[in-house]
Protein backbone atom coordinates (compact mmCIF):
# COMPACT_ATOMS: atom_id res chain seq x y z
CA MET A 1 0.00 0.00 0.00
CA SER A 2 1.40 3.42 -0.90
CA ARG A 3 0.50 7.01 -1.55
CA GLU A 4 2.32 10.00 -2.97
CA ILE A 5 2.77 13.58 -1.85
CA LYS A 6 3.76 15.97 -4.64
CA ASN A 7 4.86 19.56 -4.32
CA LYS A 8 7.02 21.95 -6.32
CA GLY A 9 8.85 19.42 -8.42
CA TRP A 10 9.45 16.68 -5.87
CA THR A 11 7.60 13.52 -4.91
CA ILE A 12 7.67 11.64 -1.63
CA ARG A 13 6.25 8.12 -1.71
CA LEU A 14 5.03 6.63 1.54
CA PHE A 15 5.00 2.85 1.91
CA ARG A 16 3.59 0.66 4.65
CA PRO A 17 5.99 -2.23 5.38
CA ASN A 18 4.87 -5.72 6.23
CA SER A 19 4.24 -6.78 9.79
CA LEU A 20 7.90 -7.66 10.32
CA GLY A 21 9.13 -4.20 9.33
CA LYS A 22 9.89 -1.50 11.88
CA SER A 23 10.20 2.21 11.32
CA VAL A 24 13.58 3.63 10.41
CA LEU A 25 12.50 6.97 11.78
CA GLY A 26 13.02 6.45 15.50
CA ALA A 27 9.34 6.85 16.45
CA ARG A 28 8.56 3.27 15.36
CA THR A 29 5.63 4.48 13.25
CA ALA A 30 6.13 1.81 10.59
CA LEU A 31 6.45 4.59 8.06
CA VAL A 32 9.12 4.05 5.45
CA VAL A 33 10.14 7.08 3.46
CA SER A 34 11.83 7.03 0.07
CA LEU A 35 12.44 9.90 -2.23
CA CYS A 36 12.09 10.33 -5.97
CA PHE A 37 13.53 13.62 -7.15
CA CYS A 38 11.81 15.03 -10.22
CA LEU A 39 14.28 17.03 -12.25
CA ALA A 40 11.72 19.64 -13.16
CA SER A 41 11.57 23.42 -13.09
CA ALA A 42 12.08 23.48 -9.33
CA ARG A 43 15.77 22.71 -9.85
CA GLN A 44 17.43 26.08 -9.94
CA SER A 45 21.12 25.21 -10.13
CA SER A 46 23.44 27.29 -12.27
CA PRO A 47 24.61 25.95 -15.65
CA GLU A 48 26.78 22.85 -15.27
CA GLY A 49 26.60 23.32 -11.49
CA THR A 50 29.03 26.27 -11.65
CA PRO A 51 29.25 27.90 -8.20
CA THR A 52 29.45 31.51 -7.22
CA LEU A 53 30.90 32.43 -3.84
CA ARG A 54 29.58 34.40 -0.92
CA SER A 55 31.77 37.43 -0.33
CA SER A 56 31.89 37.30 3.45
CA THR A 57 34.67 35.31 5.09
CA SER A 58 32.98 35.24 8.53
CA LEU A 59 29.57 33.90 7.57
CA VAL A 60 28.24 31.13 9.82
CA LEU A 61 25.93 28.63 8.12
CA VAL A 62 23.41 26.72 10.23
CA ASP A 63 21.75 23.75 8.52
CA VAL A 64 18.28 23.23 9.96
CA ILE A 65 16.23 20.06 9.43
CA ALA A 66 12.53 20.64 10.12
CA GLN A 67 10.37 17.56 10.56
CA ASP A 68 6.88 16.56 11.49
CA PRO A 69 7.42 14.56 14.72
CA LYS A 70 4.87 11.88 13.81
CA SER A 71 5.44 11.23 10.10
CA LYS A 72 9.11 12.34 10.15
CA LEU A 73 8.47 14.00 6.79
CA PRO A 74 10.27 17.29 6.15
CA HIS A 75 8.52 20.65 6.30
CA ASN A 76 9.25 22.66 3.15
CA GLU A 77 6.88 25.58 3.76
CA PHE A 78 9.17 27.91 5.69
CA GLY A 79 10.87 31.11 4.56
CA ARG A 80 13.53 33.39 6.01
CA ASP A 81 11.06 35.38 8.12
CA ASP A 82 9.83 32.19 9.80
CA PHE A 83 13.14 31.64 11.61
CA GLN A 84 15.08 33.36 14.37
CA VAL A 85 18.67 32.43 15.22
CA PHE A 86 20.17 33.07 18.66
CA ASP A 87 23.90 33.33 19.37
CA ASN A 88 24.52 32.73 23.09
CA ASP A 89 20.83 33.59 23.67
CA ARG A 90 21.09 36.88 21.73
CA PRO A 91 19.07 37.18 18.49
CA VAL A 92 21.17 37.72 15.36
CA PRO A 93 19.92 38.77 11.90
CA ILE A 94 19.68 36.08 9.23
CA VAL A 95 21.61 37.56 6.30
CA THR A 96 21.37 34.61 3.89
CA PHE A 97 18.66 32.02 3.47
CA ASP A 98 18.62 28.94 1.25
CA ALA A 99 16.08 26.11 1.05
CA GLY A 100 16.80 22.60 -0.11
CA SER A 101 13.41 22.37 -1.81
CA HIS A 102 14.70 25.05 -4.23
CA TYR A 103 18.04 23.25 -4.76
CA ASP A 104 20.02 26.28 -3.64
CA THR A 105 21.75 24.86 -0.54
CA ARG A 106 25.40 23.93 -0.89
CA PRO A 107 26.24 20.46 -2.23
CA ILE A 108 26.83 17.46 0.03
CA ALA A 109 29.97 15.37 0.41
CA LEU A 110 28.51 12.17 1.90
CA TRP A 111 30.95 9.74 3.53
CA PHE A 112 30.30 6.08 4.33
CA VAL A 113 32.38 5.28 7.43
CA VAL A 114 33.04 1.81 8.88
CA ILE A 115 35.45 0.02 11.17
CA CYS A 116 37.48 -2.95 9.90
CA ASN A 117 35.48 -6.17 9.95
CA GLU A 118 37.44 -7.67 12.84
CA GLN A 119 36.51 -11.26 13.56
CA ASN A 120 35.79 -11.03 17.29
CA GLN A 121 33.77 -7.81 17.14
CA ALA A 122 32.05 -8.11 13.75
CA LEU A 123 28.49 -8.61 15.01
CA VAL A 124 28.40 -5.50 17.19
CA ARG A 125 30.33 -3.12 14.94
CA SER A 126 30.25 -2.80 11.13
CA GLY A 127 30.09 -6.54 10.41
CA PRO A 128 26.28 -6.64 9.98
CA PHE A 129 26.66 -4.46 6.85
CA ALA A 130 29.05 -6.85 5.08
CA GLY A 131 27.28 -8.36 2.09
CA TYR A 132 24.60 -5.66 2.08
CA GLU A 133 26.66 -2.90 0.45
CA SER A 134 24.70 -3.01 -2.81
CA ALA A 135 21.49 -2.23 -0.89
CA PHE A 136 22.68 1.37 -0.57
CA ARG A 137 23.13 1.84 -4.32
CA SER A 138 19.52 2.79 -5.10
CA ALA A 139 19.49 5.46 -2.38
CA LEU A 140 22.51 7.16 -3.97
CA ASN A 141 20.36 7.86 -7.04
CA ASP A 142 18.43 10.33 -4.89
CA LEU A 143 21.47 12.54 -4.40
CA ASP A 144 21.69 15.68 -6.49
CA LYS A 145 24.19 15.66 -9.37
CA ARG A 146 26.32 18.18 -7.43
CA ASP A 147 26.65 15.81 -4.45
CA SER A 148 29.62 13.49 -4.06
CA VAL A 149 30.23 10.27 -2.09
CA GLY A 150 33.36 8.98 -0.35
CA VAL A 151 34.33 5.99 1.81
CA ALA A 152 36.61 5.82 4.87
CA HIS A 153 37.50 3.27 7.54
CA TRP A 154 39.52 2.85 10.69
CA CYS A 155 40.76 -0.23 12.51
CA ASP A 156 41.74 -1.18 16.05
CA ASN A 157 45.26 -1.92 14.82
CA GLY A 158 45.71 1.82 14.25
CA ASP A 159 44.91 1.93 10.55
CA ALA A 160 42.87 4.93 9.37
CA GLN A 161 42.27 5.52 5.69
CA LEU A 162 40.20 7.50 3.20
CA ASP A 163 39.46 4.60 0.86
CA LEU A 164 37.69 6.74 -1.75
CA LEU A 165 37.74 10.52 -1.95
CA PRO A 166 34.34 12.07 -2.74
CA THR A 167 33.31 11.22 -6.29
CA TYR A 168 30.30 11.85 -8.52
CA ASN A 169 30.41 8.21 -9.62
CA ARG A 170 27.59 6.37 -7.84
CA ASP A 171 28.98 2.85 -8.31
CA ALA A 172 32.54 3.38 -7.05
CA PRO A 173 31.50 3.99 -3.40
CA ILE A 174 29.66 0.66 -3.27
CA THR A 175 32.76 -1.19 -4.45
CA ALA A 176 34.99 0.70 -2.02
CA LEU A 177 32.58 0.03 0.85
CA ALA A 178 32.52 -3.70 0.07
CA ASN A 179 36.34 -3.79 0.08
CA ALA A 180 36.45 -1.93 3.41
CA LEU A 181 34.08 -4.51 4.91
CA LEU A 182 35.97 -7.62 3.82
CA PRO A 183 36.56 -9.84 6.89
CA ILE A 184 40.07 -9.68 8.33
CA PRO A 185 41.72 -12.07 10.79
CA PHE A 186 42.79 -9.29 13.17
CA ILE A 187 41.43 -9.74 16.69
CA ALA A 188 40.55 -6.44 18.32
CA PRO A 189 42.34 -5.92 21.66
CA ARG A 190 40.24 -5.10 24.69
CA GLY A 191 40.86 -1.90 26.60
CA GLY A 192 43.39 -0.47 24.14
CA ARG A 193 43.58 3.14 22.97
CA ILE A 194 44.85 2.40 19.46
CA GLY A 195 41.37 2.16 17.94
CA GLU A 196 40.14 5.34 19.67
CA LEU A 197 43.09 7.30 18.27
CA ALA A 198 42.61 5.77 14.82
CA VAL A 199 38.95 6.84 14.60
CA GLN A 200 39.92 10.37 15.63
CA ALA A 201 42.59 10.44 12.91
CA MET A 202 40.08 9.23 10.30
CA PHE A 203 37.48 11.86 11.23
CA ARG A 204 40.09 14.61 11.09
CA ALA A 205 41.24 13.41 7.66
CA ILE A 206 37.65 13.80 6.44
CA ILE A 207 37.48 17.28 7.99
CA ARG A 208 40.78 18.27 6.29
CA ASP A 209 39.41 17.11 2.96
CA ALA A 210 36.37 19.36 3.44
CA HIS A 211 38.60 22.34 4.29
CA GLN A 212 40.71 21.75 1.19
CA THR A 213 37.73 21.63 -1.16
CA ASN A 214 36.73 24.97 -2.67
CA PRO A 215 33.89 25.71 -2.73
CA GLN A 216 33.45 23.81 0.52
CA PRO A 217 30.61 21.25 0.50
CA LEU A 218 28.59 20.21 3.52
CA PRO A 219 30.43 17.15 4.90
CA VAL A 220 27.93 14.48 5.95
CA ILE A 221 29.24 11.37 7.66
CA VAL A 222 27.08 8.24 7.69
CA ILE A 223 28.56 5.79 10.22
CA LEU A 224 27.64 2.14 9.72
CA HIS A 225 28.35 0.78 13.19
CA GLY A 226 26.64 -0.70 16.25
CA ASP A 227 28.18 2.09 18.38
CA LYS A 228 29.45 -0.03 21.24
CA THR A 229 32.14 2.58 21.71
CA GLY A 230 33.90 4.73 24.28
CA MET A 231 36.22 7.75 24.36
CA PRO A 232 37.53 10.15 27.04
CA PRO A 233 35.14 13.13 27.26
CA GLN A 234 37.83 15.75 26.54
CA GLU A 235 39.03 13.98 23.39
CA LEU A 236 35.46 13.60 22.18
CA ASP A 237 34.83 17.26 22.96
CA ASP A 238 37.88 18.24 20.89
CA LEU A 239 36.56 16.15 18.00
CA VAL A 240 33.19 17.91 18.21
CA SER A 241 35.02 21.25 18.05
CA ASP A 242 36.67 20.19 14.79
CA PHE A 243 33.29 19.28 13.35
CA LEU A 244 31.81 22.59 14.43
CA GLN A 245 34.38 24.46 12.34
CA THR A 246 33.16 22.70 9.17
CA SER A 247 29.43 22.65 10.14
CA GLY A 248 29.50 18.94 9.27
CA ILE A 249 26.64 16.61 10.20
CA VAL A 250 26.98 13.07 11.55
CA PHE A 251 24.35 10.38 10.98
CA GLY A 252 24.52 6.71 11.87
CA ILE A 253 22.88 3.41 11.01
CA LYS A 254 23.13 0.31 13.15
CA ASN A 255 21.52 -3.09 12.97
CA GLU A 256 18.65 -3.21 15.42
CA SER A 257 19.88 -6.54 16.82
CA VAL A 258 22.87 -4.79 18.43
CA PRO A 259 21.88 -3.92 22.02
CA ASP A 260 22.33 -0.38 23.32
CA MET A 261 25.53 0.15 25.24
CA PRO A 262 25.23 1.08 28.95
CA PRO A 263 27.32 3.91 30.47
CA LEU A 264 30.97 3.05 30.98
CA ALA A 265 32.44 2.78 34.48
CA ASN A 266 35.93 3.96 33.44
CA GLY A 267 34.94 7.61 32.98
CA GLU A 268 34.75 7.46 29.19
CA ARG A 269 31.66 8.56 27.31
CA SER A 270 29.88 5.62 25.68
CA THR A 271 28.09 5.50 22.30
CA ILE A 272 30.26 8.30 20.97
CA PHE A 273 28.70 8.23 17.50
CA HIS A 274 25.23 8.88 18.91
CA TYR A 275 26.78 11.81 20.79
CA LEU A 276 28.38 13.21 17.62
CA ALA A 277 25.07 12.91 15.78
CA GLY A 278 23.24 14.77 18.53
CA GLU A 279 25.82 17.57 18.71
CA THR A 280 25.86 18.16 14.95
CA GLY A 281 22.12 17.94 14.22
CA GLY A 282 22.14 14.41 12.81
CA GLU A 283 20.33 11.23 13.80
CA TYR A 284 21.09 7.56 14.50
CA PHE A 285 18.88 4.80 13.08
CA ALA A 286 18.43 1.25 14.40
CA VAL A 287 16.94 -0.89 11.62
CA PRO A 288 16.86 -4.48 10.35
CA SER A 289 19.07 -5.30 7.38
CA ASN A 290 16.20 -5.11 4.89
CA LEU A 291 15.74 -1.42 5.74
CA TYR A 292 19.35 -0.28 5.44
CA ALA A 293 18.66 1.49 2.15
CA THR A 294 15.48 3.05 3.51
CA ALA A 295 17.43 4.55 6.43
CA LEU A 296 19.89 6.10 3.98
CA ASP A 297 16.98 7.38 1.89
CA SER A 298 15.57 9.04 4.99
CA ILE A 299 18.90 10.75 5.64
CA ILE A 300 19.04 12.05 2.07
CA VAL A 301 15.45 13.33 2.32
CA GLN A 302 16.34 15.28 5.46
CA LEU A 303 19.45 16.76 3.87
CA HIS A 304 17.79 17.82 0.64
CA PHE A 305 14.88 19.51 2.37
CA ARG A 306 17.00 21.32 4.94
CA TYR A 307 17.18 25.07 5.43
CA GLN A 308 20.51 26.87 5.39
CA LEU A 309 20.57 29.99 7.57
CA GLY A 310 23.56 32.32 7.40
CA PHE A 311 24.49 34.97 9.96
CA LYS A 312 27.54 37.02 10.88
CA PRO A 313 28.91 36.23 14.34
CA PRO A 314 29.08 39.15 16.77
CA SER A 315 32.79 38.47 17.27
CA ILE A 316 35.49 36.20 15.84
CA ASP A 317 36.83 34.93 19.14
CA GLY A 318 37.54 31.26 18.37
CA LYS A 319 35.36 30.16 21.30
CA ARG A 320 32.30 27.95 21.36
CA HIS A 321 29.00 29.77 21.01
CA ASP A 322 25.59 28.24 21.70
CA ILE A 323 23.12 28.22 18.81
CA ARG A 324 19.36 28.17 19.12
CA VAL A 325 16.88 28.31 16.24
CA GLU A 326 13.18 28.98 16.71
CA LEU A 327 10.14 29.39 14.51
CA LEU A 328 8.37 32.77 14.57
CA GLY A 329 4.91 34.22 14.07
CA GLU A 330 2.38 32.29 12.00
CA ALA A 331 4.82 29.45 11.33
CA LYS A 332 5.18 28.87 15.08
CA LYS A 333 1.40 28.91 15.53
CA LYS A 334 0.63 26.68 12.56
CA PHE A 335 3.42 24.17 13.16
CA LYS A 336 3.48 23.98 16.94
CA THR A 337 4.89 20.47 16.98
CA ALA A 338 7.51 20.94 14.26
CA HIS A 339 10.85 19.54 15.37
CA LEU A 340 13.98 21.50 14.40
CA ARG A 341 17.39 19.80 14.40
CA TYR A 342 20.65 21.69 13.97
CA ARG A 343 24.10 21.87 15.48
CA THR A 344 23.89 23.25 18.98
CA GLU A 345 27.17 25.18 18.92
CA TYR A 346 29.62 26.83 16.56
CA ILE A 347 33.11 28.29 16.74
CA PRO A 348 33.51 31.65 14.96
CA VAL A 349 36.70 31.57 12.89
CA ILE A 350 37.80 33.09 9.62
CA THR A 351 36.69 30.67 6.91
CA ILE A 352 36.98 30.32 3.18
CA PRO A 353 34.01 31.55 1.13
CA THR A 354 31.09 29.13 0.90
CA TRP A 355 28.83 27.91 -1.83
CA GLN A 356 26.10 30.06 -3.32
CA HIS A 357 24.03 29.97 -6.48
């Protein structure tokens, strides 16, 4: 059973799964969302995707995902005057506004990230995705032609590698992901720091790649991992700071059979990938293997229908600033239950110019 919602050049198809299916959208509503982009007049990209650049070097971009809390479908009705941004609880003017439904937000550099398929930890880490790599291929068709896809991995033996730099080829990432998930005989040590340092090195390599790309895309990391993880709070906090300087977003997908990890007794923060997702405005999905592609589709839907709010920071002080975004006026009255997700902090630094149509 299905139905379609059409608006301004895009179509969202809603499907009801069978009785064994569970929702990929966290609320367990049994609603599976997939997206079919219609390349119609609503696409307003410049010829051949040629970018122009914003002139300001201190512009802060806040990517806001607005969702209906029940259906998890994106709201695409809002305009600039419907939002208010607060910097450390002080309202700041929105000087630029872009909406994904108009195809004028900056392009995405989507990264698949996994840990080595280590034999003694495979079932609770990235192992459940081995053999299912091709399931993600159809979801990649929903990316815009300006979006790119890369693959990276780390390993508890200290290895950290960008297996495939972001490419416009939609088949190459699937091959690279399959190679990264090939089983290896390495047995992960217990209680070691090598793996924690390797994952930090891999994330920072992705961040460096984003900094070196001009115009800079929105780096989006999709972690395929059960998230039975830990890291010292200060090191994790430093990693969040690095993400904040790129405005990157972290999402995650895990197999629903992997149990949630309890708090650690050694002082480390557990489920670090869930924490990164929460701090950057992303989301973590727990789904059965037959809904892996649907979870990725849901992520792409959220990204393409996001709002991009730009403001100038009151000062370039290199310190963390709290961000809050609220709806205003009629939008707040009409969409009282709308859920807004965005990064909760930013660090004002001099940056390279960012993408604009």
